Amino acid sequence: LYKVGARNENPDKTGFAHLFEHLMFSGSLNSESFDEPLQTAGGESNAWTSNDMTNYYDIIPAHNVEVAFWLESDRLLQLALTEKKFEAQKSVVIEEFKQRCLNTPYGDVGHIIRDNAYSVHPYKWPVIGKSTDVIASATLDDAWGFFNSHYSPDNLVMCVSGNIDFERAVELTEKWFGDIKSRNVIQQILPAEPKQTTPKRVKIERDVPHNMILKAYHMCGRADQDYQASDIISDILANGNSARFYRNVLMNSDAFSSLDASVGGSMDPGLFYVRGYLR
């Protein structure tokens, strides 16, 4: 788990953290492919990116666990990143952007709500970036700069879980990661979002299946003592057939076809969402 997400991006070069999630599977200094050796050893891998972090995980039989240590350390040591691979992954991410955000009803809601909820904090844009044009304009030099600025042992947390002794896990960690030098990651000081004092409302007219209402309330960050209370409130409102929305609204009126509530889960102060589709 690397402490790098969309919040760490240059506002003019958004979508880079997510793009790099793809690039990290491009092969590395001592392995042309990341997935092939892992799959040969009976394993599989995947990754996800948020506004706050990027997480890579491998699932592999315990007796072959060293293969995962080798591959993870090798791509941290140096990616085998070429112009051809970089352009290929840019195209993949651009198509993903089109599929999720441009060619799907309500797909750009995340862009709209964030842009209105935040004025200065980098949560202002979603993980996938502001637009396809920004991703298309990214260069290989940009990619290496991002890698060297964030992908470093001093910006990494690694968890090993399963049928492996603690001593063995430490031994393999020291063997494969011990000699990789830190790149002295500079921890960014992000602008604090000023308190919102008046409501903000935006009306969007599109050709969509149903009218939708989305409300976003500013709330605390994940480390705040009130975060768990907010999370529980979202469950009381919307989790299952015993929830308030289902019992008090959906069962007693024809106003909505569905209602949901959720927390964004961000490290800095984030958003509490309420979403409803009208009949």
C-alpha atoms as a PDB file:
ATOM      1  CA  LEU A   1       0.000   0.000   0.000  1.00  0.00           C
ATOM      2  CA  TYR A   2       1.586   3.234  -1.198  1.00  0.00           C
ATOM      3  CA  LYS A   3       0.679   6.576   0.332  1.00  0.00           C
ATOM      4  CA  VAL A   4      -0.176   8.151  -2.994  1.00  0.00           C
ATOM      5  CA  GLY A   5      -3.578   8.876  -4.460  1.00  0.00           C
ATOM      6  CA  ALA A   6      -5.396  11.511  -6.461  1.00  0.00           C
ATOM      7  CA  ARG A   7      -4.773  14.010  -3.637  1.00  0.00           C
ATOM      8  CA  ASN A   8      -1.036  13.940  -4.468  1.00  0.00           C
ATOM      9  CA  GLU A   9      -1.472  14.907  -8.118  1.00  0.00           C
ATOM     10  CA  ASN A  10      -0.671  18.160  -9.851  1.00  0.00           C
ATOM     11  CA  PRO A  11      -4.066  19.862 -10.505  1.00  0.00           C
ATOM     12  CA  ASP A  12      -3.024  20.156 -14.161  1.00  0.00           C
ATOM     13  CA  LYS A  13      -2.044  16.456 -14.407  1.00  0.00           C
ATOM     14  CA  THR A  14      -4.897  14.591 -12.743  1.00  0.00           C
ATOM     15  CA  GLY A  15      -5.583  10.873 -13.100  1.00  0.00           C
ATOM     16  CA  PHE A  16      -1.899   9.991 -12.672  1.00  0.00           C
ATOM     17  CA  ALA A  17      -2.281   7.888  -9.526  1.00  0.00           C
ATOM     18  CA  HIS A  18      -4.842   5.685 -11.272  1.00  0.00           C
ATOM     19  CA  LEU A  19      -2.803   5.584 -14.475  1.00  0.00           C
ATOM     20  CA  PHE A  20       0.178   4.426 -12.444  1.00  0.00           C
ATOM     21  CA  GLU A  21      -1.838   1.578 -10.983  1.00  0.00           C
ATOM     22  CA  HIS A  22      -1.991   0.263 -14.555  1.00  0.00           C
ATOM     23  CA  LEU A  23       1.656   1.035 -15.299  1.00  0.00           C
ATOM     24  CA  MET A  24       2.858  -0.961 -12.292  1.00  0.00           C
ATOM     25  CA  PHE A  25       1.868  -4.161 -14.133  1.00  0.00           C
ATOM     26  CA  SER A  26       4.100  -3.331 -17.125  1.00  0.00           C
ATOM     27  CA  GLY A  27       6.986  -5.536 -16.029  1.00  0.00           C
ATOM     28  CA  SER A  28      10.140  -4.606 -14.180  1.00  0.00           C
ATOM     29  CA  LEU A  29      13.924  -4.739 -14.220  1.00  0.00           C
ATOM     30  CA  ASN A  30      14.197  -8.534 -13.830  1.00  0.00           C
ATOM     31  CA  SER A  31      10.792  -9.699 -15.049  1.00  0.00           C
ATOM     32  CA  GLU A  32       9.212  -8.800 -18.391  1.00  0.00           C
ATOM     33  CA  SER A  33       5.773  -9.577 -16.973  1.00  0.00           C
ATOM     34  CA  PHE A  34       4.334  -9.156 -13.500  1.00  0.00           C
ATOM     35  CA  ASP A  35       1.352 -11.466 -13.851  1.00  0.00           C
ATOM     36  CA  GLU A  36       2.927 -14.393 -15.723  1.00  0.00           C
ATOM     37  CA  PRO A  37       5.399 -15.529 -13.012  1.00  0.00           C
ATOM     38  CA  LEU A  38       2.749 -14.983 -10.333  1.00  0.00           C
ATOM     39  CA  GLN A  39       0.150 -17.040 -12.198  1.00  0.00           C
ATOM     40  CA  THR A  40       2.711 -19.775 -12.924  1.00  0.00           C
ATOM     41  CA  ALA A  41       3.205 -20.008  -9.146  1.00  0.00           C
ATOM     42  CA  GLY A  42      -0.552 -20.405  -8.657  1.00  0.00           C
ATOM     43  CA  GLY A  43      -1.188 -16.796  -7.690  1.00  0.00           C
ATOM     44  CA  GLU A  44      -3.225 -13.810  -8.807  1.00  0.00           C
ATOM     45  CA  SER A  45      -3.041 -10.073  -8.269  1.00  0.00           C
ATOM     46  CA  ASN A  46      -5.015  -6.884  -8.528  1.00  0.00           C
ATOM     47  CA  ALA A  47      -4.966  -3.266  -7.363  1.00  0.00           C
ATOM     48  CA  TRP A  48      -7.114  -0.244  -6.629  1.00  0.00           C
ATOM     49  CA  THR A  49      -6.590   3.487  -6.284  1.00  0.00           C
ATOM     50  CA  SER A  50      -8.373   5.994  -4.054  1.00  0.00           C
ATOM     51  CA  ASN A  51      -7.957   9.692  -3.409  1.00  0.00           C
ATOM     52  CA  ASP A  52      -5.598   8.847  -0.531  1.00  0.00           C
ATOM     53  CA  MET A  53      -3.669   5.684  -1.475  1.00  0.00           C
ATOM     54  CA  THR A  54      -2.870   2.988  -4.036  1.00  0.00           C
ATOM     55  CA  ASN A  55      -3.111  -0.647  -2.956  1.00  0.00           C
ATOM     56  CA  TYR A  56      -1.579  -3.658  -4.742  1.00  0.00           C
ATOM     57  CA  TYR A  57      -2.337  -7.150  -3.486  1.00  0.00           C
ATOM     58  CA  ASP A  58      -1.207 -10.657  -4.394  1.00  0.00           C
ATOM     59  CA  ILE A  59      -2.840 -13.942  -3.399  1.00  0.00           C
ATOM     60  CA  ILE A  60      -0.505 -16.922  -3.715  1.00  0.00           C
ATOM     61  CA  PRO A  61      -0.005 -20.410  -2.214  1.00  0.00           C
ATOM     62  CA  ALA A  62       2.092 -20.157   0.958  1.00  0.00           C
ATOM     63  CA  HIS A  63       4.895 -22.365  -0.345  1.00  0.00           C
ATOM     64  CA  ASN A  64       5.375 -19.968  -3.302  1.00  0.00           C
ATOM     65  CA  VAL A  65       5.106 -16.734  -1.337  1.00  0.00           C
ATOM     66  CA  GLU A  66       8.673 -15.676  -2.184  1.00  0.00           C
ATOM     67  CA  VAL A  67       7.617 -15.180  -5.810  1.00  0.00           C
ATOM     68  CA  ALA A  68       5.316 -12.356  -4.679  1.00  0.00           C
ATOM     69  CA  PHE A  69       8.101 -10.786  -2.588  1.00  0.00           C
ATOM     70  CA  TRP A  70      10.430 -10.871  -5.607  1.00  0.00           C
ATOM     71  CA  LEU A  71       7.913  -9.353  -8.031  1.00  0.00           C
ATOM     72  CA  GLU A  72       6.755  -6.613  -5.668  1.00  0.00           C
ATOM     73  CA  SER A  73      10.312  -5.610  -4.782  1.00  0.00           C
ATOM     74  CA  ASP A  74      11.405  -5.652  -8.420  1.00  0.00           C
ATOM     75  CA  ARG A  75       8.712  -3.273  -9.626  1.00  0.00           C
ATOM     76  CA  LEU A  76       9.488  -0.977  -6.711  1.00  0.00           C
ATOM     77  CA  LEU A  77      13.179  -1.142  -7.611  1.00  0.00           C
ATOM     78  CA  GLN A  78      12.577  -0.160 -11.255  1.00  0.00           C
ATOM     79  CA  LEU A  79       9.748  -0.497 -13.713  1.00  0.00           C
ATOM     80  CA  ALA A  80      10.441  -1.622 -17.269  1.00  0.00           C
ATOM     81  CA  LEU A  81       8.515   1.382 -18.508  1.00  0.00           C
ATOM     82  CA  THR A  82       8.830   2.174 -22.215  1.00  0.00           C
ATOM     83  CA  GLU A  83       7.097   4.697 -24.452  1.00  0.00           C
ATOM     84  CA  LYS A  84       5.126   1.860 -26.113  1.00  0.00           C
ATOM     85  CA  LYS A  85       3.867   0.446 -22.806  1.00  0.00           C
ATOM     86  CA  PHE A  86       3.088   3.924 -21.513  1.00  0.00           C
ATOM     87  CA  GLU A  87       0.990   4.843 -24.543  1.00  0.00           C
ATOM     88  CA  ALA A  88      -0.822   1.495 -24.390  1.00  0.00           C
ATOM     89  CA  GLN A  89      -1.871   2.007 -20.772  1.00  0.00           C
ATOM     90  CA  LYS A  90      -2.901   5.606 -21.445  1.00  0.00           C
ATOM     91  CA  SER A  91      -5.280   4.273 -24.098  1.00  0.00           C
ATOM     92  CA  VAL A  92      -6.687   1.722 -21.650  1.00  0.00           C
ATOM     93  CA  VAL A  93      -7.355   4.387 -19.019  1.00  0.00           C
ATOM     94  CA  ILE A  94      -8.903   6.754 -21.571  1.00  0.00           C
ATOM     95  CA  GLU A  95     -11.295   3.994 -22.702  1.00  0.00           C
ATOM     96  CA  GLU A  96     -12.112   3.255 -19.059  1.00  0.00           C
ATOM     97  CA  PHE A  97     -12.882   6.965 -18.552  1.00  0.00           C
ATOM     98  CA  LYS A  98     -15.206   6.973 -21.573  1.00  0.00           C
ATOM     99  CA  GLN A  99     -16.948   3.784 -20.491  1.00  0.00           C
ATOM    100  CA  ARG A 100     -17.485   4.774 -16.857  1.00  0.00           C
ATOM    101  CA  CYS A 101     -17.929   8.547 -17.022  1.00  0.00           C
ATOM    102  CA  LEU A 102     -19.034   9.567 -20.528  1.00  0.00           C
ATOM    103  CA  ASN A 103     -21.054   6.686 -21.982  1.00  0.00           C
ATOM    104  CA  THR A 104     -22.997   5.698 -18.850  1.00  0.00           C
ATOM    105  CA  PRO A 105     -26.047   7.470 -17.413  1.00  0.00           C
ATOM    106  CA  TYR A 106     -25.037   9.560 -14.366  1.00  0.00           C
ATOM    107  CA  GLY A 107     -21.386   8.674 -15.066  1.00  0.00           C
ATOM    108  CA  ASP A 108     -20.108  12.210 -14.548  1.00  0.00           C
ATOM    109  CA  VAL A 109     -21.979  12.792 -11.281  1.00  0.00           C
ATOM    110  CA  GLY A 110     -18.762  12.256  -9.321  1.00  0.00           C
ATOM    111  CA  HIS A 111     -17.045  15.019 -11.283  1.00  0.00           C
ATOM    112  CA  ILE A 112     -19.947  17.418 -10.815  1.00  0.00           C
ATOM    113  CA  ILE A 113     -20.502  16.847  -7.092  1.00  0.00           C
ATOM    114  CA  ARG A 114     -16.807  17.036  -6.170  1.00  0.00           C
ATOM    115  CA  ASP A 115     -16.219  20.163  -8.230  1.00  0.00           C
ATOM    116  CA  ASN A 116     -19.032  21.896  -6.368  1.00  0.00           C
ATOM    117  CA  ALA A 117     -18.337  20.503  -2.902  1.00  0.00           C
ATOM    118  CA  TYR A 118     -14.647  21.479  -2.850  1.00  0.00           C
ATOM    119  CA  SER A 119     -13.052  24.786  -3.717  1.00  0.00           C
ATOM    120  CA  VAL A 120      -9.323  24.248  -2.966  1.00  0.00           C
ATOM    121  CA  HIS A 121      -8.711  20.699  -1.678  1.00  0.00           C
ATOM    122  CA  PRO A 122      -7.547  18.082  -4.244  1.00  0.00           C
ATOM    123  CA  TYR A 123     -10.621  15.967  -3.483  1.00  0.00           C
ATOM    124  CA  LYS A 124     -12.090  18.392  -6.028  1.00  0.00           C
ATOM    125  CA  TRP A 125     -11.461  15.828  -8.780  1.00  0.00           C
ATOM    126  CA  PRO A 126     -12.194  12.079  -8.855  1.00  0.00           C
ATOM    127  CA  VAL A 127      -9.534   9.373  -8.952  1.00  0.00           C
ATOM    128  CA  ILE A 128      -9.866   8.786 -12.687  1.00  0.00           C
ATOM    129  CA  GLY A 129      -8.968  12.436 -13.377  1.00  0.00           C
ATOM    130  CA  LYS A 130     -10.675  15.539 -14.688  1.00  0.00           C
ATOM    131  CA  SER A 131     -10.814  14.629 -18.391  1.00  0.00           C
ATOM    132  CA  THR A 132      -9.456  12.327 -21.089  1.00  0.00           C
ATOM    133  CA  ASP A 133      -7.483  15.252 -22.543  1.00  0.00           C
ATOM    134  CA  VAL A 134      -5.381  15.497 -19.385  1.00  0.00           C
ATOM    135  CA  ILE A 135      -4.525  11.777 -19.537  1.00  0.00           C
ATOM    136  CA  ALA A 136      -3.788  11.952 -23.267  1.00  0.00           C
ATOM    137  CA  SER A 137      -1.319  14.809 -22.779  1.00  0.00           C
ATOM    138  CA  ALA A 138       0.738  12.973 -20.123  1.00  0.00           C
ATOM    139  CA  THR A 139       4.344  12.170 -21.094  1.00  0.00           C
ATOM    140  CA  LEU A 140       6.775   9.420 -20.163  1.00  0.00           C
ATOM    141  CA  ASP A 141       8.864  12.001 -18.298  1.00  0.00           C
ATOM    142  CA  ASP A 142       5.765  12.843 -16.253  1.00  0.00           C
ATOM    143  CA  ALA A 143       5.432   9.151 -15.411  1.00  0.00           C
ATOM    144  CA  TRP A 144       9.029   8.767 -14.220  1.00  0.00           C
ATOM    145  CA  GLY A 145       8.698  11.930 -12.160  1.00  0.00           C
ATOM    146  CA  PHE A 146       5.573  10.559 -10.476  1.00  0.00           C
ATOM    147  CA  PHE A 147       7.225   7.187  -9.817  1.00  0.00           C
ATOM    148  CA  ASN A 148      10.343   8.697  -8.266  1.00  0.00           C
ATOM    149  CA  SER A 149       8.296  11.110  -6.155  1.00  0.00           C
ATOM    150  CA  HIS A 150       5.973   8.550  -4.571  1.00  0.00           C
ATOM    151  CA  TYR A 151       7.054   4.939  -5.085  1.00  0.00           C
ATOM    152  CA  SER A 152       9.633   4.450  -2.372  1.00  0.00           C
ATOM    153  CA  PRO A 153      10.133   2.169   0.664  1.00  0.00           C
ATOM    154  CA  ASP A 154       9.579   5.144   2.974  1.00  0.00           C
ATOM    155  CA  ASN A 155       6.138   5.673   1.425  1.00  0.00           C
ATOM    156  CA  LEU A 156       5.072   2.034   1.619  1.00  0.00           C
ATOM    157  CA  VAL A 157       3.199  -0.186   4.071  1.00  0.00           C
ATOM    158  CA  MET A 158       3.332  -3.935   3.432  1.00  0.00           C
ATOM    159  CA  CYS A 159       1.078  -6.536   5.041  1.00  0.00           C
ATOM    160  CA  VAL A 160       1.735 -10.278   4.912  1.00  0.00           C
ATOM    161  CA  SER A 161      -1.109 -12.508   6.056  1.00  0.00           C
ATOM    162  CA  GLY A 162      -1.611 -16.252   5.860  1.00  0.00           C
ATOM    163  CA  ASN A 163       0.208 -19.504   6.539  1.00  0.00           C
ATOM    164  CA  ILE A 164       3.620 -17.950   7.156  1.00  0.00           C
ATOM    165  CA  ASP A 165       5.623 -17.439  10.354  1.00  0.00           C
ATOM    166  CA  PHE A 166       6.419 -13.901  11.454  1.00  0.00           C
ATOM    167  CA  GLU A 167      10.158 -14.627  11.379  1.00  0.00           C
ATOM    168  CA  ARG A 168       9.915 -15.940   7.807  1.00  0.00           C
ATOM    169  CA  ALA A 169       7.981 -12.840   6.713  1.00  0.00           C
ATOM    170  CA  VAL A 170      10.639 -10.565   8.223  1.00  0.00           C
ATOM    171  CA  GLU A 171      13.420 -12.617   6.613  1.00  0.00           C
ATOM    172  CA  LEU A 172      11.860 -12.347   3.139  1.00  0.00           C
ATOM    173  CA  THR A 173      11.123  -8.652   3.589  1.00  0.00           C
ATOM    174  CA  GLU A 174      14.733  -7.901   4.492  1.00  0.00           C
ATOM    175  CA  LYS A 175      15.988 -10.108   1.658  1.00  0.00           C
ATOM    176  CA  TRP A 176      13.928  -8.511  -1.084  1.00  0.00           C
ATOM    177  CA  PHE A 177      13.331  -4.962   0.157  1.00  0.00           C
ATOM    178  CA  GLY A 178      16.251  -4.255   2.476  1.00  0.00           C
ATOM    179  CA  ASP A 179      18.636  -2.967  -0.205  1.00  0.00           C
ATOM    180  CA  ILE A 180      16.143  -0.745  -2.040  1.00  0.00           C
ATOM    181  CA  LYS A 181      17.089   2.831  -1.263  1.00  0.00           C
ATOM    182  CA  SER A 182      14.472   5.351  -0.191  1.00  0.00           C
ATOM    183  CA  ARG A 183      13.772   8.200  -2.588  1.00  0.00           C
ATOM    184  CA  ASN A 184      13.111  10.686   0.224  1.00  0.00           C
ATOM    185  CA  VAL A 185       9.452  11.266  -0.503  1.00  0.00           C
ATOM    186  CA  ILE A 186       8.371  14.799   0.329  1.00  0.00           C
ATOM    187  CA  GLN A 187       5.091  14.767   2.261  1.00  0.00           C
ATOM    188  CA  GLN A 188       2.834  17.381   0.741  1.00  0.00           C
ATOM    189  CA  ILE A 189       0.982  19.987   2.766  1.00  0.00           C
ATOM    190  CA  LEU A 190      -2.463  20.154   1.206  1.00  0.00           C
ATOM    191  CA  PRO A 191      -4.742  23.203   1.387  1.00  0.00           C
ATOM    192  CA  ALA A 192      -7.485  22.892   3.988  1.00  0.00           C
ATOM    193  CA  GLU A 193     -10.987  23.198   2.587  1.00  0.00           C
ATOM    194  CA  PRO A 194     -12.669  26.339   4.000  1.00  0.00           C
ATOM    195  CA  LYS A 195     -15.943  25.898   5.857  1.00  0.00           C
ATOM    196  CA  GLN A 196     -18.975  26.055   3.582  1.00  0.00           C
ATOM    197  CA  THR A 197     -21.483  28.609   4.909  1.00  0.00           C
ATOM    198  CA  THR A 198     -24.280  28.509   2.306  1.00  0.00           C
ATOM    199  CA  PRO A 199     -25.986  25.724   0.353  1.00  0.00           C
ATOM    200  CA  LYS A 200     -24.864  24.927  -3.174  1.00  0.00           C
ATOM    201  CA  ARG A 201     -27.314  23.586  -5.737  1.00  0.00           C
ATOM    202  CA  VAL A 202     -26.721  22.450  -9.297  1.00  0.00           C
ATOM    203  CA  LYS A 203     -29.341  21.253 -11.772  1.00  0.00           C
ATOM    204  CA  ILE A 204     -28.204  19.090 -14.674  1.00  0.00           C
ATOM    205  CA  GLU A 205     -30.543  18.125 -17.501  1.00  0.00           C
ATOM    206  CA  ARG A 206     -29.611  14.959 -19.406  1.00  0.00           C
ATOM    207  CA  ASP A 207     -31.286  12.088 -21.234  1.00  0.00           C
ATOM    208  CA  VAL A 208     -31.223   9.582 -18.346  1.00  0.00           C
ATOM    209  CA  PRO A 209     -33.628   6.796 -17.284  1.00  0.00           C
ATOM    210  CA  HIS A 210     -34.788   8.488 -14.045  1.00  0.00           C
ATOM    211  CA  ASN A 211     -34.523  11.818 -12.306  1.00  0.00           C
ATOM    212  CA  MET A 212     -31.941  11.621  -9.533  1.00  0.00           C
ATOM    213  CA  ILE A 213     -31.249  13.664  -6.416  1.00  0.00           C
ATOM    214  CA  LEU A 214     -27.760  13.524  -4.950  1.00  0.00           C
ATOM    215  CA  LYS A 215     -26.957  15.355  -1.714  1.00  0.00           C
ATOM    216  CA  ALA A 216     -23.447  15.634  -0.314  1.00  0.00           C
ATOM    217  CA  TYR A 217     -22.833  16.801   3.254  1.00  0.00           C
ATOM    218  CA  HIS A 218     -19.380  17.777   4.481  1.00  0.00           C
ATOM    219  CA  MET A 219     -18.185  15.428   7.216  1.00  0.00           C
ATOM    220  CA  CYS A 220     -15.049  14.553   9.184  1.00  0.00           C
ATOM    221  CA  GLY A 221     -12.058  12.541   7.960  1.00  0.00           C
ATOM    222  CA  ARG A 222     -11.466   8.842   8.536  1.00  0.00           C
ATOM    223  CA  ALA A 223      -9.182   9.320  11.563  1.00  0.00           C
ATOM    224  CA  ASP A 224     -11.659  11.571  13.398  1.00  0.00           C
ATOM    225  CA  GLN A 225     -13.500  10.114  16.392  1.00  0.00           C
ATOM    226  CA  ASP A 226     -16.850  10.982  14.771  1.00  0.00           C
ATOM    227  CA  TYR A 227     -16.148   9.036  11.587  1.00  0.00           C
ATOM    228  CA  GLN A 228     -17.518   5.720  12.887  1.00  0.00           C
ATOM    229  CA  ALA A 229     -20.691   7.460  14.047  1.00  0.00           C
ATOM    230  CA  SER A 230     -21.201   8.868  10.546  1.00  0.00           C
ATOM    231  CA  ASP A 231     -20.590   5.431   9.041  1.00  0.00           C
ATOM    232  CA  ILE A 232     -23.187   3.876  11.359  1.00  0.00           C
ATOM    233  CA  ILE A 233     -25.682   6.617  10.476  1.00  0.00           C
ATOM    234  CA  SER A 234     -25.357   5.673   6.794  1.00  0.00           C
ATOM    235  CA  ASP A 235     -26.168   2.046   7.725  1.00  0.00           C
ATOM    236  CA  ILE A 236     -29.157   3.061   9.875  1.00  0.00           C
ATOM    237  CA  LEU A 237     -30.499   5.071   6.948  1.00  0.00           C
ATOM    238  CA  ALA A 238     -29.886   2.712   4.056  1.00  0.00           C
ATOM    239  CA  ASN A 239     -28.391  -0.706   4.865  1.00  0.00           C
ATOM    240  CA  GLY A 240     -30.978  -3.421   4.270  1.00  0.00           C
ATOM    241  CA  ASN A 241     -34.735  -3.803   4.594  1.00  0.00           C
ATOM    242  CA  SER A 242     -34.751  -2.701   8.251  1.00  0.00           C
ATOM    243  CA  ALA A 243     -33.167   0.663   7.374  1.00  0.00           C
ATOM    244  CA  ARG A 244     -35.070   3.950   7.770  1.00  0.00           C
ATOM    245  CA  PHE A 245     -35.109   4.807   4.068  1.00  0.00           C
ATOM    246  CA  TYR A 246     -36.651   1.460   3.157  1.00  0.00           C
ATOM    247  CA  ARG A 247     -39.209   1.286   5.965  1.00  0.00           C
ATOM    248  CA  ASN A 248     -40.226   4.936   6.205  1.00  0.00           C
ATOM    249  CA  VAL A 249     -39.874   6.172   2.622  1.00  0.00           C
ATOM    250  CA  LEU A 250     -39.787   3.401   0.023  1.00  0.00           C
ATOM    251  CA  MET A 251     -42.511   1.309   1.705  1.00  0.00           C
ATOM    252  CA  ASN A 252     -44.752   4.284   2.509  1.00  0.00           C
ATOM    253  CA  SER A 253     -44.616   6.415  -0.618  1.00  0.00           C
ATOM    254  CA  ASP A 254     -44.163   6.253  -4.367  1.00  0.00           C
ATOM    255  CA  ALA A 255     -41.705   9.142  -4.488  1.00  0.00           C
ATOM    256  CA  PHE A 256     -38.495   7.109  -4.958  1.00  0.00           C
ATOM    257  CA  SER A 257     -37.623   3.852  -6.649  1.00  0.00           C
ATOM    258  CA  SER A 258     -34.404   3.579  -4.592  1.00  0.00           C
ATOM    259  CA  LEU A 259     -32.541   5.451  -1.852  1.00  0.00           C
ATOM    260  CA  ASP A 260     -29.020   5.068  -0.577  1.00  0.00           C
ATOM    261  CA  ALA A 261     -26.616   6.678   1.900  1.00  0.00           C
ATOM    262  CA  SER A 262     -22.846   6.257   2.171  1.00  0.00           C
ATOM    263  CA  VAL A 263     -19.663   7.851   3.459  1.00  0.00           C
ATOM    264  CA  GLY A 264     -16.750   8.683   1.171  1.00  0.00           C
ATOM    265  CA  GLY A 265     -14.183   7.164   3.531  1.00  0.00           C
ATOM    266  CA  SER A 266     -11.485   9.742   2.842  1.00  0.00           C
ATOM    267  CA  MET A 267      -8.582  10.534   5.172  1.00  0.00           C
ATOM    268  CA  ASP A 268      -9.162  14.291   5.113  1.00  0.00           C
ATOM    269  CA  PRO A 269     -12.634  15.729   5.794  1.00  0.00           C
ATOM    270  CA  GLY A 270     -14.889  14.191   3.177  1.00  0.00           C
ATOM    271  CA  LEU A 271     -18.492  13.839   2.067  1.00  0.00           C
ATOM    272  CA  PHE A 272     -21.582  11.994   3.299  1.00  0.00           C
ATOM    273  CA  TYR A 273     -23.769  11.068   0.316  1.00  0.00           C
ATOM    274  CA  VAL A 274     -27.520  10.585   0.026  1.00  0.00           C
ATOM    275  CA  ARG A 275     -28.751   9.451  -3.400  1.00  0.00           C
ATOM    276  CA  GLY A 276     -32.294   8.891  -4.568  1.00  0.00           C
ATOM    277  CA  TYR A 277     -33.867   7.895  -7.895  1.00  0.00           C
ATOM    278  CA  LEU A 278     -37.365   9.318  -8.329  1.00  0.00           C
ATOM    279  CA  ARG A 279     -40.250   7.337  -9.766  1.00  0.00           C
END
